[in-house]
C-alpha atoms as a PDB file:
ATOM      1  CA  UNK A   1       6.537 -82.732 104.378  1.00  0.00           C
ATOM      2  CA  UNK A   2       5.710 -84.116 100.982  1.00  0.00           C
ATOM      3  CA  UNK A   3       6.117 -80.770  99.237  1.00  0.00           C
ATOM      4  CA  UNK A   4       7.075 -82.475  95.826  1.00  0.00           C
ATOM      5  CA  UNK A   5       3.549 -84.113  95.652  1.00  0.00           C
ATOM      6  CA  UNK A   6       1.951 -80.685  95.758  1.00  0.00           C
ATOM      7  CA  UNK A   7       0.084 -79.979  92.569  1.00  0.00           C
ATOM      8  CA  UNK A   8       0.876 -76.760  90.691  1.00  0.00           C
ATOM      9  CA  UNK A   9      -1.936 -74.144  90.823  1.00  0.00           C
ATOM     10  CA  UNK A  10      -4.292 -74.148  87.815  1.00  0.00           C
ATOM     11  CA  UNK A  11      -4.733 -70.636  86.492  1.00  0.00           C
ATOM     12  CA  UNK A  12      -6.751 -71.269  83.502  1.00  0.00           C
ATOM     13  CA  UNK A  13      -9.326 -73.711  81.897  1.00  0.00           C
ATOM     14  CA  UNK A  14      -7.977 -75.771  79.098  1.00  0.00           C
ATOM     15  CA  UNK A  15      -9.674 -73.652  76.569  1.00  0.00           C
ATOM     16  CA  UNK A  16      -8.169 -70.482  78.058  1.00  0.00           C
ATOM     17  CA  UNK A  17      -4.630 -72.252  77.842  1.00  0.00           C
ATOM     18  CA  UNK A  18      -5.284 -72.912  74.125  1.00  0.00           C
ATOM     19  CA  UNK A  19      -6.419 -69.259  73.633  1.00  0.00           C
ATOM     20  CA  UNK A  20      -3.227 -67.922  75.106  1.00  0.00           C
ATOM     21  CA  UNK A  21      -0.833 -70.407  73.320  1.00  0.00           C
ATOM     22  CA  UNK A  22      -2.711 -69.700  69.954  1.00  0.00           C
ATOM     23  CA  UNK A  23      -2.098 -66.114  70.586  1.00  0.00           C
ATOM     24  CA  UNK A  24       1.564 -66.632  71.053  1.00  0.00           C
ATOM     25  CA  UNK A  25       1.824 -68.781  67.854  1.00  0.00           C
ATOM     26  CA  UNK A  26      -0.005 -66.202  65.939  1.00  0.00           C
ATOM     27  CA  UNK A  27       1.997 -63.380  67.281  1.00  0.00           C
ATOM     28  CA  UNK A  28       5.349 -65.164  66.242  1.00  0.00           C
ATOM     29  CA  UNK A  29       4.080 -66.336  62.869  1.00  0.00           C
ATOM     30  CA  UNK A  30       5.143 -63.242  60.845  1.00  0.00           C
ATOM     31  CA  UNK A  31       8.065 -62.106  62.954  1.00  0.00           C
ATOM     32  CA  UNK A  32      11.427 -63.052  64.138  1.00  0.00           C
ATOM     33  CA  UNK A  33      10.504 -61.884  67.662  1.00  0.00           C
ATOM     34  CA  UNK A  34       9.638 -64.078  70.462  1.00  0.00           C
ATOM     35  CA  UNK A  35       6.893 -63.929  73.049  1.00  0.00           C
ATOM     36  CA  UNK A  36       6.609 -65.856  76.263  1.00  0.00           C
ATOM     37  CA  UNK A  37       3.909 -65.822  78.959  1.00  0.00           C
ATOM     38  CA  UNK A  38       4.948 -66.621  82.574  1.00  0.00           C
ATOM     39  CA  UNK A  39       2.131 -66.972  85.225  1.00  0.00           C
ATOM     40  CA  UNK A  40       2.553 -67.695  88.879  1.00  0.00           C
ATOM     41  CA  UNK A  41       0.789 -67.201  92.059  1.00  0.00           C
ATOM     42  CA  UNK A  42       2.898 -64.785  93.873  1.00  0.00           C
ATOM     43  CA  UNK A  43       5.578 -62.370  93.004  1.00  0.00           C
ATOM     44  CA  UNK A  44       8.656 -62.825  94.949  1.00  0.00           C
ATOM     45  CA  UNK A  45       9.668 -59.104  94.758  1.00  0.00           C
ATOM     46  CA  UNK A  46       7.797 -55.978  95.682  1.00  0.00           C
ATOM     47  CA  UNK A  47       8.192 -54.854  92.038  1.00  0.00           C
ATOM     48  CA  UNK A  48       6.638 -57.167  89.435  1.00  0.00           C
ATOM     49  CA  UNK A  49       9.330 -55.648  86.756  1.00  0.00           C
ATOM     50  CA  UNK A  50      12.144 -56.943  88.927  1.00  0.00           C
ATOM     51  CA  UNK A  51      10.513 -60.365  88.913  1.00  0.00           C
ATOM     52  CA  UNK A  52       9.887 -60.353  85.305  1.00  0.00           C
ATOM     53  CA  UNK A  53      13.514 -59.412  84.549  1.00  0.00           C
ATOM     54  CA  UNK A  54      14.477 -62.400  86.574  1.00  0.00           C
ATOM     55  CA  UNK A  55      12.256 -64.728  84.987  1.00  0.00           C
ATOM     56  CA  UNK A  56      13.174 -63.408  81.487  1.00  0.00           C
ATOM     57  CA  UNK A  57      16.882 -64.192  82.188  1.00  0.00           C
ATOM     58  CA  UNK A  58      16.111 -67.487  83.803  1.00  0.00           C
ATOM     59  CA  UNK A  59      14.311 -68.545  80.730  1.00  0.00           C
ATOM     60  CA  UNK A  60      17.374 -67.385  78.652  1.00  0.00           C
ATOM     61  CA  UNK A  61      15.037 -64.946  76.513  1.00  0.00           C
ATOM     62  CA  UNK A  62      18.028 -62.524  76.373  1.00  0.00           C
ATOM     63  CA  UNK A  63      19.901 -65.068  74.004  1.00  0.00           C
ATOM     64  CA  UNK A  64      17.650 -64.490  70.980  1.00  0.00           C
ATOM     65  CA  UNK A  65      19.654 -63.345  67.849  1.00  0.00           C
ATOM     66  CA  UNK A  66      17.932 -60.038  67.528  1.00  0.00           C
ATOM     67  CA  UNK A  67      17.316 -59.434  71.185  1.00  0.00           C
ATOM     68  CA  UNK A  68      13.687 -59.176  70.405  1.00  0.00           C
ATOM     69  CA  UNK A  69      12.019 -61.304  72.973  1.00  0.00           C
ATOM     70  CA  UNK A  70       9.141 -60.186  75.192  1.00  0.00           C
ATOM     71  CA  UNK A  71       7.800 -61.563  78.469  1.00  0.00           C
ATOM     72  CA  UNK A  72       4.483 -61.101  79.650  1.00  0.00           C
ATOM     73  CA  UNK A  73       4.528 -61.695  83.507  1.00  0.00           C
ATOM     74  CA  UNK A  74       1.536 -62.277  85.592  1.00  0.00           C
ATOM     75  CA  UNK A  75       1.469 -63.042  89.415  1.00  0.00           C
ATOM     76  CA  UNK A  76      -2.315 -63.957  89.890  1.00  0.00           C
ATOM     77  CA  UNK A  77      -2.822 -63.931  93.602  1.00  0.00           C
ATOM     78  CA  UNK A  78      -0.784 -60.890  94.023  1.00  0.00           C
ATOM     79  CA  UNK A  79      -2.422 -59.034  91.152  1.00  0.00           C
ATOM     80  CA  UNK A  80       0.775 -57.999  89.691  1.00  0.00           C
ATOM     81  CA  UNK A  81       1.593 -57.563  85.914  1.00  0.00           C
ATOM     82  CA  UNK A  82       4.695 -56.667  83.966  1.00  0.00           C
ATOM     83  CA  UNK A  83       5.802 -56.841  80.396  1.00  0.00           C
ATOM     84  CA  UNK A  84       9.513 -56.819  79.617  1.00  0.00           C
ATOM     85  CA  UNK A  85      10.945 -56.466  76.102  1.00  0.00           C
ATOM     86  CA  UNK A  86      14.611 -57.103  75.430  1.00  0.00           C
ATOM     87  CA  UNK A  87      16.746 -54.293  74.182  1.00  0.00           C
ATOM     88  CA  UNK A  88      16.082 -54.883  70.556  1.00  0.00           C
ATOM     89  CA  UNK A  89      12.394 -54.406  70.644  1.00  0.00           C
ATOM     90  CA  UNK A  90      12.444 -51.982  73.645  1.00  0.00           C
ATOM     91  CA  UNK A  91      14.689 -49.631  71.609  1.00  0.00           C
ATOM     92  CA  UNK A  92      12.034 -49.526  68.815  1.00  0.00           C
ATOM     93  CA  UNK A  93       8.748 -49.141  71.074  1.00  0.00           C
ATOM     94  CA  UNK A  94       9.849 -47.559  74.221  1.00  0.00           C
ATOM     95  CA  UNK A  95       8.282 -47.550  77.670  1.00  0.00           C
ATOM     96  CA  UNK A  96       5.009 -45.908  76.559  1.00  0.00           C
ATOM     97  CA  UNK A  97       4.151 -48.945  74.520  1.00  0.00           C
ATOM     98  CA  UNK A  98       4.639 -51.327  77.338  1.00  0.00           C
ATOM     99  CA  UNK A  99       2.611 -49.150  79.677  1.00  0.00           C
ATOM    100  CA  UNK A 100      -0.258 -48.850  77.079  1.00  0.00           C
ATOM    101  CA  UNK A 101      -0.303 -52.741  76.796  1.00  0.00           C
ATOM    102  CA  UNK A 102      -0.275 -53.097  80.703  1.00  0.00           C
ATOM    103  CA  UNK A 103      -3.338 -50.983  80.918  1.00  0.00           C
ATOM    104  CA  UNK A 104      -5.093 -53.034  78.310  1.00  0.00           C
ATOM    105  CA  UNK A 105      -4.385 -56.161  80.163  1.00  0.00           C
ATOM    106  CA  UNK A 106      -5.291 -54.627  83.543  1.00  0.00           C
ATOM    107  CA  UNK A 107      -8.686 -53.515  81.983  1.00  0.00           C
ATOM    108  CA  UNK A 108      -9.387 -57.169  80.931  1.00  0.00           C
ATOM    109  CA  UNK A 109      -8.314 -58.513  84.248  1.00  0.00           C
ATOM    110  CA  UNK A 110     -10.607 -56.101  86.197  1.00  0.00           C
ATOM    111  CA  UNK A 111     -13.477 -57.702  84.198  1.00  0.00           C
ATOM    112  CA  UNK A 112     -12.158 -61.242  85.157  1.00  0.00           C
ATOM    113  CA  UNK A 113     -11.049 -61.872  81.762  1.00  0.00           C
ATOM    114  CA  UNK A 114      -7.526 -62.874  82.384  1.00  0.00           C
ATOM    115  CA  UNK A 115      -6.881 -65.258  79.563  1.00  0.00           C
ATOM    116  CA  UNK A 116      -8.471 -62.890  77.066  1.00  0.00           C
ATOM    117  CA  UNK A 117      -6.399 -59.894  78.321  1.00  0.00           C
ATOM    118  CA  UNK A 118      -3.229 -61.928  78.005  1.00  0.00           C
ATOM    119  CA  UNK A 119      -4.112 -63.231  74.537  1.00  0.00           C
ATOM    120  CA  UNK A 120      -5.001 -59.662  73.342  1.00  0.00           C
ATOM    121  CA  UNK A 121      -1.747 -58.199  74.531  1.00  0.00           C
ATOM    122  CA  UNK A 122       0.354 -61.013  73.150  1.00  0.00           C
ATOM    123  CA  UNK A 123      -1.420 -60.349  69.790  1.00  0.00           C
ATOM    124  CA  UNK A 124      -0.666 -56.532  69.823  1.00  0.00           C
ATOM    125  CA  UNK A 125       3.026 -57.374  70.896  1.00  0.00           C
ATOM    126  CA  UNK A 126       3.180 -59.486  67.836  1.00  0.00           C
ATOM    127  CA  UNK A 127       2.004 -56.699  65.572  1.00  0.00           C
ATOM    128  CA  UNK A 128       4.913 -54.413  66.777  1.00  0.00           C
ATOM    129  CA  UNK A 129       7.330 -57.294  66.412  1.00  0.00           C
ATOM    130  CA  UNK A 130       6.092 -57.744  62.800  1.00  0.00           C
ATOM    131  CA  UNK A 131       6.650 -54.105  62.099  1.00  0.00           C
ATOM    132  CA  UNK A 132      10.256 -53.937  63.596  1.00  0.00           C
ATOM    133  CA  UNK A 133      11.407 -57.663  63.055  1.00  0.00           C
ATOM    134  CA  UNK A 134       9.474 -59.007  59.991  1.00  0.00           C
ATOM    135  CA  UNK A 135       9.665 -62.808  59.338  1.00  0.00           C
ATOM    136  CA  UNK A 136      12.335 -63.867  56.968  1.00  0.00           C
ATOM    137  CA  UNK A 137      11.868 -67.415  55.788  1.00  0.00           C
ATOM    138  CA  UNK A 138      15.618 -67.837  55.043  1.00  0.00           C
ATOM    139  CA  UNK A 139      16.834 -67.064  58.529  1.00  0.00           C
ATOM    140  CA  UNK A 140      14.016 -67.260  60.995  1.00  0.00           C
ATOM    141  CA  UNK A 141      13.639 -70.131  63.376  1.00  0.00           C
ATOM    142  CA  UNK A 142      11.575 -70.475  66.505  1.00  0.00           C
ATOM    143  CA  UNK A 143      14.157 -69.677  69.368  1.00  0.00           C
ATOM    144  CA  UNK A 144      11.850 -70.172  72.283  1.00  0.00           C
ATOM    145  CA  UNK A 145       8.926 -72.524  73.023  1.00  0.00           C
ATOM    146  CA  UNK A 146       5.440 -71.295  72.417  1.00  0.00           C
ATOM    147  CA  UNK A 147       3.931 -72.646  75.658  1.00  0.00           C
ATOM    148  CA  UNK A 148       2.757 -70.873  78.765  1.00  0.00           C
ATOM    149  CA  UNK A 149       5.274 -71.088  81.554  1.00  0.00           C
ATOM    150  CA  UNK A 150       3.713 -71.835  84.997  1.00  0.00           C
ATOM    151  CA  UNK A 151       5.315 -71.003  88.191  1.00  0.00           C
ATOM    152  CA  UNK A 152       4.115 -71.692  91.649  1.00  0.00           C
END
């Protein structure tokens, strides 16, 4: 009846939120690339990648100048993960890189280190972004917010 009064689920402690946001800021510090983290309870699709692509476009991440934005998607209760990189970065690193990062995140999740797993993967994504899209103080601007986006 009063669904608008429902509180959004809390997935991480304040310290864990800060760890992830610090990883995002650190990852973007030396690159023109953008990283976002989206966390929700349930994945609306059978395939987490389909949902990640929907979220990616919903957050307008495809509008970055170099098409080098990356979304780390997590559905906590459904235990689903996906990493989606736009065409600029995907063409540089390929599917094998994303799969390696998913395995790394999954390994941390299996030890109940969710925030640490996300932060580690975000930092590693930042490293490949630096390699392929280095920071240029003359042209670079932060095109997307550095916060965690929480769904339902």
